[in-house]
mmCIF file of all heavy atoms, coordinates in Angstrom:
data_MODEL
# 
_entry.id   MODEL 
# 
loop_
_atom_site.group_PDB 
_atom_site.id 
_atom_site.type_symbol 
_atom_site.label_atom_id 
_atom_site.label_alt_id 
_atom_site.label_comp_id 
_atom_site.label_asym_id 
_atom_site.label_entity_id 
_atom_site.label_seq_id 
_atom_site.pdbx_PDB_ins_code 
_atom_site.Cartn_x 
_atom_site.Cartn_y 
_atom_site.Cartn_z 
_atom_site.occupancy 
_atom_site.B_iso_or_equiv 
_atom_site.pdbx_formal_charge 
_atom_site.auth_seq_id 
_atom_site.auth_comp_id 
_atom_site.auth_asym_id 
_atom_site.auth_atom_id 
_atom_site.pdbx_PDB_model_num 
ATOM 1   N N   . GLU A 1 1  ? 0.849  -1.192  0.003   1.00 0.00 ? 1  GLU A N   1 
ATOM 2   C CA  . GLU A 1 1  ? 0.000  0.001   0.005   1.00 0.00 ? 1  GLU A CA  1 
ATOM 3   C C   . GLU A 1 1  ? 0.884  1.234   -0.005  1.00 0.00 ? 1  GLU A C   1 
ATOM 4   O O   . GLU A 1 1  ? 1.825  1.332   0.807   1.00 0.00 ? 1  GLU A O   1 
ATOM 5   C CB  . GLU A 1 1  ? -0.931 0.017   1.202   1.00 0.00 ? 1  GLU A CB  1 
ATOM 6   C CG  . GLU A 1 1  ? -1.910 1.174   1.186   1.00 0.00 ? 1  GLU A CG  1 
ATOM 7   C CD  . GLU A 1 1  ? -2.983 1.048   2.248   1.00 0.00 ? 1  GLU A CD  1 
ATOM 8   O OE1 . GLU A 1 1  ? -2.972 0.071   3.011   1.00 0.00 ? 1  GLU A OE1 1 
ATOM 9   O OE2 . GLU A 1 1  ? -3.841 1.955   2.309   1.00 0.00 ? 1  GLU A OE2 1 
ATOM 10  N N   . ALA A 1 2  ? 0.590  2.163   -0.891  1.00 0.00 ? 2  ALA A N   1 
ATOM 11  C CA  . ALA A 1 2  ? 1.393  3.358   -1.050  1.00 0.00 ? 2  ALA A CA  1 
ATOM 12  C C   . ALA A 1 2  ? 0.625  4.604   -0.636  1.00 0.00 ? 2  ALA A C   1 
ATOM 13  O O   . ALA A 1 2  ? -0.586 4.704   -0.847  1.00 0.00 ? 2  ALA A O   1 
ATOM 14  C CB  . ALA A 1 2  ? 1.817  3.505   -2.522  1.00 0.00 ? 2  ALA A CB  1 
ATOM 15  N N   . SER A 1 3  ? 1.350  5.529   -0.043  1.00 0.00 ? 3  SER A N   1 
ATOM 16  C CA  . SER A 1 3  ? 0.772  6.831   0.254   1.00 0.00 ? 3  SER A CA  1 
ATOM 17  C C   . SER A 1 3  ? 0.990  7.737   -0.956  1.00 0.00 ? 3  SER A C   1 
ATOM 18  O O   . SER A 1 3  ? 1.774  7.393   -1.856  1.00 0.00 ? 3  SER A O   1 
ATOM 19  C CB  . SER A 1 3  ? 1.443  7.442   1.486   1.00 0.00 ? 3  SER A CB  1 
ATOM 20  O OG  . SER A 1 3  ? 2.817  7.683   1.204   1.00 0.00 ? 3  SER A OG  1 
ATOM 21  N N   . GLY A 1 4  ? 0.376  8.875   -0.975  1.00 0.00 ? 4  GLY A N   1 
ATOM 22  C CA  . GLY A 1 4  ? 0.620  9.811   -2.072  1.00 0.00 ? 4  GLY A CA  1 
ATOM 23  C C   . GLY A 1 4  ? -0.522 9.858   -3.058  1.00 0.00 ? 4  GLY A C   1 
ATOM 24  O O   . GLY A 1 4  ? -1.222 8.870   -3.254  1.00 0.00 ? 4  GLY A O   1 
ATOM 25  N N   . SER A 1 5  ? -0.641 10.993  -3.704  1.00 0.00 ? 5  SER A N   1 
ATOM 26  C CA  . SER A 1 5  ? -1.794 11.214  -4.588  1.00 0.00 ? 5  SER A CA  1 
ATOM 27  C C   . SER A 1 5  ? -1.508 10.931  -6.059  1.00 0.00 ? 5  SER A C   1 
ATOM 28  O O   . SER A 1 5  ? -2.431 10.990  -6.867  1.00 0.00 ? 5  SER A O   1 
ATOM 29  C CB  . SER A 1 5  ? -2.266 12.664  -4.444  1.00 0.00 ? 5  SER A CB  1 
ATOM 30  O OG  . SER A 1 5  ? -1.217 13.553  -4.792  1.00 0.00 ? 5  SER A OG  1 
ATOM 31  N N   . ILE A 1 6  ? -0.272 10.620  -6.411  1.00 0.00 ? 6  ILE A N   1 
ATOM 32  C CA  . ILE A 1 6  ? 0.042  10.370  -7.821  1.00 0.00 ? 6  ILE A CA  1 
ATOM 33  C C   . ILE A 1 6  ? 0.527  8.946   -8.017  1.00 0.00 ? 6  ILE A C   1 
ATOM 34  O O   . ILE A 1 6  ? 1.353  8.678   -8.868  1.00 0.00 ? 6  ILE A O   1 
ATOM 35  C CB  . ILE A 1 6  ? 1.062  11.384  -8.373  1.00 0.00 ? 6  ILE A CB  1 
ATOM 36  C CG1 . ILE A 1 6  ? 2.356  11.350  -7.526  1.00 0.00 ? 6  ILE A CG1 1 
ATOM 37  C CG2 . ILE A 1 6  ? 0.489  12.770  -8.414  1.00 0.00 ? 6  ILE A CG2 1 
ATOM 38  C CD1 . ILE A 1 6  ? 3.480  12.164  -8.169  1.00 0.00 ? 6  ILE A CD1 1 
ATOM 39  N N   . PHE A 1 7  ? 0.002  8.046   -7.223  1.00 0.00 ? 7  PHE A N   1 
ATOM 40  C CA  . PHE A 1 7  ? 0.409  6.638   -7.309  1.00 0.00 ? 7  PHE A CA  1 
ATOM 41  C C   . PHE A 1 7  ? 0.288  6.107   -8.718  1.00 0.00 ? 7  PHE A C   1 
ATOM 42  O O   . PHE A 1 7  ? 1.123  5.346   -9.177  1.00 0.00 ? 7  PHE A O   1 
ATOM 43  C CB  . PHE A 1 7  ? -0.473 5.827   -6.353  1.00 0.00 ? 7  PHE A CB  1 
ATOM 44  C CG  . PHE A 1 7  ? -0.316 4.327   -6.482  1.00 0.00 ? 7  PHE A CG  1 
ATOM 45  C CD1 . PHE A 1 7  ? 0.709  3.672   -5.835  1.00 0.00 ? 7  PHE A CD1 1 
ATOM 46  C CD2 . PHE A 1 7  ? -1.212 3.578   -7.238  1.00 0.00 ? 7  PHE A CD2 1 
ATOM 47  C CE1 . PHE A 1 7  ? 0.870  2.302   -5.947  1.00 0.00 ? 7  PHE A CE1 1 
ATOM 48  C CE2 . PHE A 1 7  ? -1.072 2.203   -7.343  1.00 0.00 ? 7  PHE A CE2 1 
ATOM 49  C CZ  . PHE A 1 7  ? -0.027 1.560   -6.690  1.00 0.00 ? 7  PHE A CZ  1 
ATOM 50  N N   . SER A 1 8  ? -0.762 6.500   -9.417  1.00 0.00 ? 8  SER A N   1 
ATOM 51  C CA  . SER A 1 8  ? -1.038 5.936   -10.736 1.00 0.00 ? 8  SER A CA  1 
ATOM 52  C C   . SER A 1 8  ? 0.064  6.224   -11.748 1.00 0.00 ? 8  SER A C   1 
ATOM 53  O O   . SER A 1 8  ? 0.178  5.544   -12.765 1.00 0.00 ? 8  SER A O   1 
ATOM 54  C CB  . SER A 1 8  ? -2.380 6.459   -11.258 1.00 0.00 ? 8  SER A CB  1 
ATOM 55  O OG  . SER A 1 8  ? -2.331 7.862   -11.423 1.00 0.00 ? 8  SER A OG  1 
ATOM 56  N N   . ARG A 1 9  ? 0.892  7.212   -11.479 1.00 0.00 ? 9  ARG A N   1 
ATOM 57  C CA  . ARG A 1 9  ? 1.949  7.569   -12.417 1.00 0.00 ? 9  ARG A CA  1 
ATOM 58  C C   . ARG A 1 9  ? 3.218  6.761   -12.217 1.00 0.00 ? 9  ARG A C   1 
ATOM 59  O O   . ARG A 1 9  ? 4.100  6.755   -13.090 1.00 0.00 ? 9  ARG A O   1 
ATOM 60  C CB  . ARG A 1 9  ? 2.267  9.056   -12.294 1.00 0.00 ? 9  ARG A CB  1 
ATOM 61  C CG  . ARG A 1 9  ? 1.110  9.959   -12.684 1.00 0.00 ? 9  ARG A CG  1 
ATOM 62  C CD  . ARG A 1 9  ? 1.424  11.416  -12.396 1.00 0.00 ? 9  ARG A CD  1 
ATOM 63  N NE  . ARG A 1 9  ? 2.645  11.837  -13.063 1.00 0.00 ? 9  ARG A NE  1 
ATOM 64  C CZ  . ARG A 1 9  ? 3.236  13.018  -12.837 1.00 0.00 ? 9  ARG A CZ  1 
ATOM 65  N NH1 . ARG A 1 9  ? 2.720  13.867  -11.962 1.00 0.00 ? 9  ARG A NH1 1 
ATOM 66  N NH2 . ARG A 1 9  ? 4.335  13.347  -13.488 1.00 0.00 ? 9  ARG A NH2 1 
ATOM 67  N N   . TYR A 1 10 ? 3.322  6.088   -11.089 1.00 0.00 ? 10 TYR A N   1 
ATOM 68  C CA  . TYR A 1 10 ? 4.551  5.381   -10.765 1.00 0.00 ? 10 TYR A CA  1 
ATOM 69  C C   . TYR A 1 10 ? 4.623  4.006   -11.439 1.00 0.00 ? 10 TYR A C   1 
ATOM 70  O O   . TYR A 1 10 ? 3.607  3.321   -11.573 1.00 0.00 ? 10 TYR A O   1 
ATOM 71  C CB  . TYR A 1 10 ? 4.678  5.179   -9.255  1.00 0.00 ? 10 TYR A CB  1 
ATOM 72  C CG  . TYR A 1 10 ? 5.156  6.407   -8.519  1.00 0.00 ? 10 TYR A CG  1 
ATOM 73  C CD1 . TYR A 1 10 ? 4.281  7.433   -8.190  1.00 0.00 ? 10 TYR A CD1 1 
ATOM 74  C CD2 . TYR A 1 10 ? 6.498  6.528   -8.160  1.00 0.00 ? 10 TYR A CD2 1 
ATOM 75  C CE1 . TYR A 1 10 ? 4.723  8.561   -7.538  1.00 0.00 ? 10 TYR A CE1 1 
ATOM 76  C CE2 . TYR A 1 10 ? 6.941  7.665   -7.493  1.00 0.00 ? 10 TYR A CE2 1 
ATOM 77  C CZ  . TYR A 1 10 ? 6.059  8.667   -7.181  1.00 0.00 ? 10 TYR A CZ  1 
ATOM 78  O OH  . TYR A 1 10 ? 6.500  9.773   -6.536  1.00 0.00 ? 10 TYR A OH  1 
ATOM 79  N N   . VAL A 1 11 ? 5.816  3.631   -11.826 1.00 0.00 ? 11 VAL A N   1 
ATOM 80  C CA  . VAL A 1 11 ? 6.095  2.234   -12.126 1.00 0.00 ? 11 VAL A CA  1 
ATOM 81  C C   . VAL A 1 11 ? 6.259  1.527   -10.783 1.00 0.00 ? 11 VAL A C   1 
ATOM 82  O O   . VAL A 1 11 ? 7.066  1.960   -9.945  1.00 0.00 ? 11 VAL A O   1 
ATOM 83  C CB  . VAL A 1 11 ? 7.377  2.064   -12.969 1.00 0.00 ? 11 VAL A CB  1 
ATOM 84  C CG1 . VAL A 1 11 ? 7.678  0.576   -13.156 1.00 0.00 ? 11 VAL A CG1 1 
ATOM 85  C CG2 . VAL A 1 11 ? 7.242  2.759   -14.292 1.00 0.00 ? 11 VAL A CG2 1 
ATOM 86  N N   . MET A 1 12 ? 5.503  0.483   -10.570 1.00 0.00 ? 12 MET A N   1 
ATOM 87  C CA  . MET A 1 12 ? 5.540  -0.243  -9.299  1.00 0.00 ? 12 MET A CA  1 
ATOM 88  C C   . MET A 1 12 ? 6.196  -1.600  -9.522  1.00 0.00 ? 12 MET A C   1 
ATOM 89  O O   . MET A 1 12 ? 5.951  -2.267  -10.542 1.00 0.00 ? 12 MET A O   1 
ATOM 90  C CB  . MET A 1 12 ? 4.141  -0.427  -8.739  1.00 0.00 ? 12 MET A CB  1 
ATOM 91  C CG  . MET A 1 12 ? 3.423  0.876   -8.450  1.00 0.00 ? 12 MET A CG  1 
ATOM 92  S SD  . MET A 1 12 ? 4.268  1.909   -7.243  1.00 0.00 ? 12 MET A SD  1 
ATOM 93  C CE  . MET A 1 12 ? 4.306  0.838   -5.810  1.00 0.00 ? 12 MET A CE  1 
ATOM 94  N N   . GLY A 1 13 ? 6.992  -2.005  -8.562  1.00 0.00 ? 13 GLY A N   1 
ATOM 95  C CA  . GLY A 1 13 ? 7.683  -3.280  -8.707  1.00 0.00 ? 13 GLY A CA  1 
ATOM 96  C C   . GLY A 1 13 ? 7.835  -4.026  -7.408  1.00 0.00 ? 13 GLY A C   1 
ATOM 97  O O   . GLY A 1 13 ? 7.667  -3.460  -6.331  1.00 0.00 ? 13 GLY A O   1 
ATOM 98  N N   . TRP A 1 14 ? 8.109  -5.299  -7.556  1.00 0.00 ? 14 TRP A N   1 
ATOM 99  C CA  . TRP A 1 14 ? 8.487  -6.150  -6.428  1.00 0.00 ? 14 TRP A CA  1 
ATOM 100 C C   . TRP A 1 14 ? 9.889  -6.666  -6.697  1.00 0.00 ? 14 TRP A C   1 
ATOM 101 O O   . TRP A 1 14 ? 10.166 -7.170  -7.806  1.00 0.00 ? 14 TRP A O   1 
ATOM 102 C CB  . TRP A 1 14 ? 7.517  -7.314  -6.274  1.00 0.00 ? 14 TRP A CB  1 
ATOM 103 C CG  . TRP A 1 14 ? 6.210  -6.931  -5.642  1.00 0.00 ? 14 TRP A CG  1 
ATOM 104 C CD1 . TRP A 1 14 ? 5.060  -6.601  -6.291  1.00 0.00 ? 14 TRP A CD1 1 
ATOM 105 C CD2 . TRP A 1 14 ? 5.935  -6.828  -4.248  1.00 0.00 ? 14 TRP A CD2 1 
ATOM 106 N NE1 . TRP A 1 14 ? 4.079  -6.295  -5.386  1.00 0.00 ? 14 TRP A NE1 1 
ATOM 107 C CE2 . TRP A 1 14 ? 4.604  -6.423  -4.120  1.00 0.00 ? 14 TRP A CE2 1 
ATOM 108 C CE3 . TRP A 1 14 ? 6.694  -7.024  -3.090  1.00 0.00 ? 14 TRP A CE3 1 
ATOM 109 C CZ2 . TRP A 1 14 ? 3.986  -6.233  -2.887  1.00 0.00 ? 14 TRP A CZ2 1 
ATOM 110 C CZ3 . TRP A 1 14 ? 6.087  -6.834  -1.868  1.00 0.00 ? 14 TRP A CZ3 1 
ATOM 111 C CH2 . TRP A 1 14 ? 4.750  -6.435  -1.765  1.00 0.00 ? 14 TRP A CH2 1 
ATOM 112 N N   . TYR A 1 15 ? 10.749 -6.535  -5.696  1.00 0.00 ? 15 TYR A N   1 
ATOM 113 C CA  . TYR A 1 15 ? 12.101 -7.043  -5.744  1.00 0.00 ? 15 TYR A CA  1 
ATOM 114 C C   . TYR A 1 15 ? 12.260 -8.012  -4.576  1.00 0.00 ? 15 TYR A C   1 
ATOM 115 O O   . TYR A 1 15 ? 11.474 -8.008  -3.635  1.00 0.00 ? 15 TYR A O   1 
ATOM 116 C CB  . TYR A 1 15 ? 13.117 -5.914  -5.622  1.00 0.00 ? 15 TYR A CB  1 
ATOM 117 C CG  . TYR A 1 15 ? 13.196 -5.011  -6.816  1.00 0.00 ? 15 TYR A CG  1 
ATOM 118 C CD1 . TYR A 1 15 ? 12.170 -4.124  -7.127  1.00 0.00 ? 15 TYR A CD1 1 
ATOM 119 C CD2 . TYR A 1 15 ? 14.316 -5.037  -7.654  1.00 0.00 ? 15 TYR A CD2 1 
ATOM 120 C CE1 . TYR A 1 15 ? 12.243 -3.294  -8.232  1.00 0.00 ? 15 TYR A CE1 1 
ATOM 121 C CE2 . TYR A 1 15 ? 14.398 -4.206  -8.773  1.00 0.00 ? 15 TYR A CE2 1 
ATOM 122 C CZ  . TYR A 1 15 ? 13.368 -3.338  -9.044  1.00 0.00 ? 15 TYR A CZ  1 
ATOM 123 O OH  . TYR A 1 15 ? 13.449 -2.515  -10.140 1.00 0.00 ? 15 TYR A OH  1 
ATOM 124 N N   . ARG A 1 16 ? 13.319 -8.807  -4.634  1.00 0.00 ? 16 ARG A N   1 
ATOM 125 C CA  . ARG A 1 16 ? 13.608 -9.678  -3.513  1.00 0.00 ? 16 ARG A CA  1 
ATOM 126 C C   . ARG A 1 16 ? 15.117 -9.800  -3.313  1.00 0.00 ? 16 ARG A C   1 
ATOM 127 O O   . ARG A 1 16 ? 15.905 -9.617  -4.255  1.00 0.00 ? 16 ARG A O   1 
ATOM 128 C CB  . ARG A 1 16 ? 13.003 -11.068 -3.712  1.00 0.00 ? 16 ARG A CB  1 
ATOM 129 C CG  . ARG A 1 16 ? 13.618 -11.876 -4.842  1.00 0.00 ? 16 ARG A CG  1 
ATOM 130 C CD  . ARG A 1 16 ? 12.836 -13.158 -5.052  1.00 0.00 ? 16 ARG A CD  1 
ATOM 131 N NE  . ARG A 1 16 ? 13.412 -13.989 -6.103  1.00 0.00 ? 16 ARG A NE  1 
ATOM 132 C CZ  . ARG A 1 16 ? 12.848 -15.096 -6.566  1.00 0.00 ? 16 ARG A CZ  1 
ATOM 133 N NH1 . ARG A 1 16 ? 11.681 -15.507 -6.101  1.00 0.00 ? 16 ARG A NH1 1 
ATOM 134 N NH2 . ARG A 1 16 ? 13.456 -15.798 -7.523  1.00 0.00 ? 16 ARG A NH2 1 
ATOM 135 N N   . GLN A 1 17 ? 15.483 -10.088 -2.069  1.00 0.00 ? 17 GLN A N   1 
ATOM 136 C CA  . GLN A 1 17 ? 16.893 -10.265 -1.747  1.00 0.00 ? 17 GLN A CA  1 
ATOM 137 C C   . GLN A 1 17 ? 17.029 -11.463 -0.820  1.00 0.00 ? 17 GLN A C   1 
ATOM 138 O O   . GLN A 1 17 ? 16.497 -11.465 0.294   1.00 0.00 ? 17 GLN A O   1 
ATOM 139 C CB  . GLN A 1 17 ? 17.470 -9.014  -1.081  1.00 0.00 ? 17 GLN A CB  1 
ATOM 140 C CG  . GLN A 1 17 ? 18.965 -9.065  -0.874  1.00 0.00 ? 17 GLN A CG  1 
ATOM 141 C CD  . GLN A 1 17 ? 19.551 -7.712  -0.523  1.00 0.00 ? 17 GLN A CD  1 
ATOM 142 O OE1 . GLN A 1 17 ? 18.842 -6.784  -0.127  1.00 0.00 ? 17 GLN A OE1 1 
ATOM 143 N NE2 . GLN A 1 17 ? 20.835 -7.584  -0.702  1.00 0.00 ? 17 GLN A NE2 1 
ATOM 144 N N   . ALA A 1 18 ? 17.725 -12.465 -1.316  1.00 0.00 ? 18 ALA A N   1 
ATOM 145 C CA  . ALA A 1 18 ? 18.020 -13.649 -0.522  1.00 0.00 ? 18 ALA A CA  1 
ATOM 146 C C   . ALA A 1 18 ? 19.327 -13.443 0.226   1.00 0.00 ? 18 ALA A C   1 
ATOM 147 O O   . ALA A 1 18 ? 20.155 -12.631 -0.189  1.00 0.00 ? 18 ALA A O   1 
ATOM 148 C CB  . ALA A 1 18 ? 18.107 -14.876 -1.430  1.00 0.00 ? 18 ALA A CB  1 
ATOM 149 N N   . PRO A 1 19 ? 19.531 -14.160 1.307   1.00 0.00 ? 19 PRO A N   1 
ATOM 150 C CA  . PRO A 1 19 ? 20.778 -13.998 2.078   1.00 0.00 ? 19 PRO A CA  1 
ATOM 151 C C   . PRO A 1 19 ? 21.996 -14.204 1.205   1.00 0.00 ? 19 PRO A C   1 
ATOM 152 O O   . PRO A 1 19 ? 22.095 -15.200 0.464   1.00 0.00 ? 19 PRO A O   1 
ATOM 153 C CB  . PRO A 1 19 ? 20.658 -15.103 3.141   1.00 0.00 ? 19 PRO A CB  1 
ATOM 154 C CG  . PRO A 1 19 ? 19.207 -15.320 3.305   1.00 0.00 ? 19 PRO A CG  1 
ATOM 155 C CD  . PRO A 1 19 ? 18.613 -15.125 1.940   1.00 0.00 ? 19 PRO A CD  1 
ATOM 156 N N   . GLY A 1 20 ? 22.924 -13.263 1.284   1.00 0.00 ? 20 GLY A N   1 
ATOM 157 C CA  . GLY A 1 20 ? 24.175 -13.355 0.539   1.00 0.00 ? 20 GLY A CA  1 
ATOM 158 C C   . GLY A 1 20 ? 24.067 -13.048 -0.931  1.00 0.00 ? 20 GLY A C   1 
ATOM 159 O O   . GLY A 1 20 ? 25.038 -13.204 -1.668  1.00 0.00 ? 20 GLY A O   1 
ATOM 160 N N   . LYS A 1 21 ? 22.873 -12.610 -1.371  1.00 0.00 ? 21 LYS A N   1 
ATOM 161 C CA  . LYS A 1 21 ? 22.683 -12.315 -2.786  1.00 0.00 ? 21 LYS A CA  1 
ATOM 162 C C   . LYS A 1 21 ? 22.262 -10.870 -2.976  1.00 0.00 ? 21 LYS A C   1 
ATOM 163 O O   . LYS A 1 21 ? 21.793 -10.205 -2.056  1.00 0.00 ? 21 LYS A O   1 
ATOM 164 C CB  . LYS A 1 21 ? 21.642 -13.260 -3.383  1.00 0.00 ? 21 LYS A CB  1 
ATOM 165 C CG  . LYS A 1 21 ? 22.084 -14.714 -3.417  1.00 0.00 ? 21 LYS A CG  1 
ATOM 166 C CD  . LYS A 1 21 ? 21.116 -15.569 -4.191  1.00 0.00 ? 21 LYS A CD  1 
ATOM 167 C CE  . LYS A 1 21 ? 21.585 -17.003 -4.298  1.00 0.00 ? 21 LYS A CE  1 
ATOM 168 N NZ  . LYS A 1 21 ? 20.646 -17.839 -5.097  1.00 0.00 ? 21 LYS A NZ  1 
ATOM 169 N N   . GLN A 1 22 ? 22.399 -10.378 -4.217  1.00 0.00 ? 22 GLN A N   1 
ATOM 170 C CA  . GLN A 1 22 ? 21.974 -9.027  -4.515  1.00 0.00 ? 22 GLN A CA  1 
ATOM 171 C C   . GLN A 1 22 ? 20.450 -8.965  -4.668  1.00 0.00 ? 22 GLN A C   1 
ATOM 172 O O   . GLN A 1 22 ? 19.796 -9.969  -4.993  1.00 0.00 ? 22 GLN A O   1 
ATOM 173 C CB  . GLN A 1 22 ? 22.635 -8.563  -5.812  1.00 0.00 ? 22 GLN A CB  1 
ATOM 174 C CG  . GLN A 1 22 ? 24.125 -8.308  -5.684  1.00 0.00 ? 22 GLN A CG  1 
ATOM 175 C CD  . GLN A 1 22 ? 24.694 -7.651  -6.940  1.00 0.00 ? 22 GLN A CD  1 
ATOM 176 O OE1 . GLN A 1 22 ? 24.179 -7.863  -8.039  1.00 0.00 ? 22 GLN A OE1 1 
ATOM 177 N NE2 . GLN A 1 22 ? 25.739 -6.863  -6.776  1.00 0.00 ? 22 GLN A NE2 1 
ATOM 178 N N   . ARG A 1 23 ? 19.938 -7.792  -4.445  1.00 0.00 ? 23 ARG A N   1 
ATOM 179 C CA  . ARG A 1 23 ? 18.503 -7.583  -4.651  1.00 0.00 ? 23 ARG A CA  1 
ATOM 180 C C   . ARG A 1 23 ? 18.209 -7.723  -6.153  1.00 0.00 ? 23 ARG A C   1 
ATOM 181 O O   . ARG A 1 23 ? 18.934 -7.209  -6.985  1.00 0.00 ? 23 ARG A O   1 
ATOM 182 C CB  . ARG A 1 23 ? 18.089 -6.202  -4.141  1.00 0.00 ? 23 ARG A CB  1 
ATOM 183 C CG  . ARG A 1 23 ? 16.600 -5.999  -4.022  1.00 0.00 ? 23 ARG A CG  1 
ATOM 184 C CD  . ARG A 1 23 ? 16.277 -4.677  -3.347  1.00 0.00 ? 23 ARG A CD  1 
ATOM 185 N NE  . ARG A 1 23 ? 16.764 -4.656  -1.976  1.00 0.00 ? 23 ARG A NE  1 
ATOM 186 C CZ  . ARG A 1 23 ? 16.492 -3.668  -1.115  1.00 0.00 ? 23 ARG A CZ  1 
ATOM 187 N NH1 . ARG A 1 23 ? 15.703 -2.659  -1.493  1.00 0.00 ? 23 ARG A NH1 1 
ATOM 188 N NH2 . ARG A 1 23 ? 16.977 -3.694  0.105   1.00 0.00 ? 23 ARG A NH2 1 
ATOM 189 N N   . GLU A 1 24 ? 17.110 -8.405  -6.467  1.00 0.00 ? 24 GLU A N   1 
ATOM 190 C CA  . GLU A 1 24 ? 16.775 -8.639  -7.851  1.00 0.00 ? 24 GLU A CA  1 
ATOM 191 C C   . GLU A 1 24 ? 15.309 -8.335  -8.116  1.00 0.00 ? 24 GLU A C   1 
ATOM 192 O O   . GLU A 1 24 ? 14.464 -8.474  -7.236  1.00 0.00 ? 24 GLU A O   1 
ATOM 193 C CB  . GLU A 1 24 ? 17.072 -10.097 -8.237  1.00 0.00 ? 24 GLU A CB  1 
ATOM 194 C CG  . GLU A 1 24 ? 16.251 -11.135 -7.471  1.00 0.00 ? 24 GLU A CG  1 
ATOM 195 C CD  . GLU A 1 24 ? 16.508 -12.557 -7.920  1.00 0.00 ? 24 GLU A CD  1 
ATOM 196 O OE1 . GLU A 1 24 ? 17.404 -12.793 -8.751  1.00 0.00 ? 24 GLU A OE1 1 
ATOM 197 O OE2 . GLU A 1 24 ? 15.788 -13.457 -7.440  1.00 0.00 ? 24 GLU A OE2 1 
ATOM 198 N N   . LEU A 1 25 ? 15.044 -7.954  -9.352  1.00 0.00 ? 25 LEU A N   1 
ATOM 199 C CA  . LEU A 1 25 ? 13.678 -7.684  -9.764  1.00 0.00 ? 25 LEU A CA  1 
ATOM 200 C C   . LEU A 1 25 ? 12.895 -8.995  -9.835  1.00 0.00 ? 25 LEU A C   1 
ATOM 201 O O   . LEU A 1 25 ? 13.361 -9.993  -10.370 1.00 0.00 ? 25 LEU A O   1 
ATOM 202 C CB  . LEU A 1 25 ? 13.648 -7.004  -11.126 1.00 0.00 ? 25 LEU A CB  1 
ATOM 203 C CG  . LEU A 1 25 ? 12.275 -6.799  -11.754 1.00 0.00 ? 25 LEU A CG  1 
ATOM 204 C CD1 . LEU A 1 25 ? 11.486 -5.757  -10.980 1.00 0.00 ? 25 LEU A CD1 1 
ATOM 205 C CD2 . LEU A 1 25 ? 12.415 -6.408  -13.224 1.00 0.00 ? 25 LEU A CD2 1 
ATOM 206 N N   . VAL A 1 26 ? 11.677 -8.963  -9.312  1.00 0.00 ? 26 VAL A N   1 
ATOM 207 C CA  . VAL A 1 26 ? 10.754 -10.089 -9.448  1.00 0.00 ? 26 VAL A CA  1 
ATOM 208 C C   . VAL A 1 26 ? 9.731  -9.762  -10.538 1.00 0.00 ? 26 VAL A C   1 
ATOM 209 O O   . VAL A 1 26 ? 9.534  -10.531 -11.465 1.00 0.00 ? 26 VAL A O   1 
ATOM 210 C CB  . VAL A 1 26 ? 10.042 -10.398 -8.114  1.00 0.00 ? 26 VAL A CB  1 
ATOM 211 C CG1 . VAL A 1 26 ? 9.045  -11.544 -8.297  1.00 0.00 ? 26 VAL A CG1 1 
ATOM 212 C CG2 . VAL A 1 26 ? 11.046 -10.731 -7.015  1.00 0.00 ? 26 VAL A CG2 1 
ATOM 213 N N   . ALA A 1 27 ? 9.094  -8.606  -10.397 1.00 0.00 ? 27 ALA A N   1 
ATOM 214 C CA  . ALA A 1 27 ? 8.071  -8.209  -11.369 1.00 0.00 ? 27 ALA A CA  1 
ATOM 215 C C   . ALA A 1 27 ? 7.839  -6.718  -11.256 1.00 0.00 ? 27 ALA A C   1 
ATOM 216 O O   . ALA A 1 27 ? 8.062  -6.132  -10.194 1.00 0.00 ? 27 ALA A O   1 
ATOM 217 C CB  . ALA A 1 27 ? 6.767  -8.969  -11.122 1.00 0.00 ? 27 ALA A CB  1 
ATOM 218 N N   . LEU A 1 28 ? 7.387  -6.119  -12.362 1.00 0.00 ? 28 LEU A N   1 
ATOM 219 C CA  . LEU A 1 28 ? 7.009  -4.719  -12.309 1.00 0.00 ? 28 LEU A CA  1 
ATOM 220 C C   . LEU A 1 28 ? 5.793  -4.484  -13.186 1.00 0.00 ? 28 LEU A C   1 
ATOM 221 O O   . LEU A 1 28 ? 5.475  -5.290  -14.073 1.00 0.00 ? 28 LEU A O   1 
ATOM 222 C CB  . LEU A 1 28 ? 8.161  -3.800  -12.710 1.00 0.00 ? 28 LEU A CB  1 
ATOM 223 C CG  . LEU A 1 28 ? 8.742  -3.894  -14.113 1.00 0.00 ? 28 LEU A CG  1 
ATOM 224 C CD1 . LEU A 1 28 ? 7.916  -3.127  -15.124 1.00 0.00 ? 28 LEU A CD1 1 
ATOM 225 C CD2 . LEU A 1 28 ? 10.172 -3.324  -14.118 1.00 0.00 ? 28 LEU A CD2 1 
# 
């Protein structure tokens, strides 16, 4: 859930980071 009035303009994504690994894109 996002605050702010211009949410619709943002590209939204989910990333993940496993132990010892870099953060990676899951989906956007």
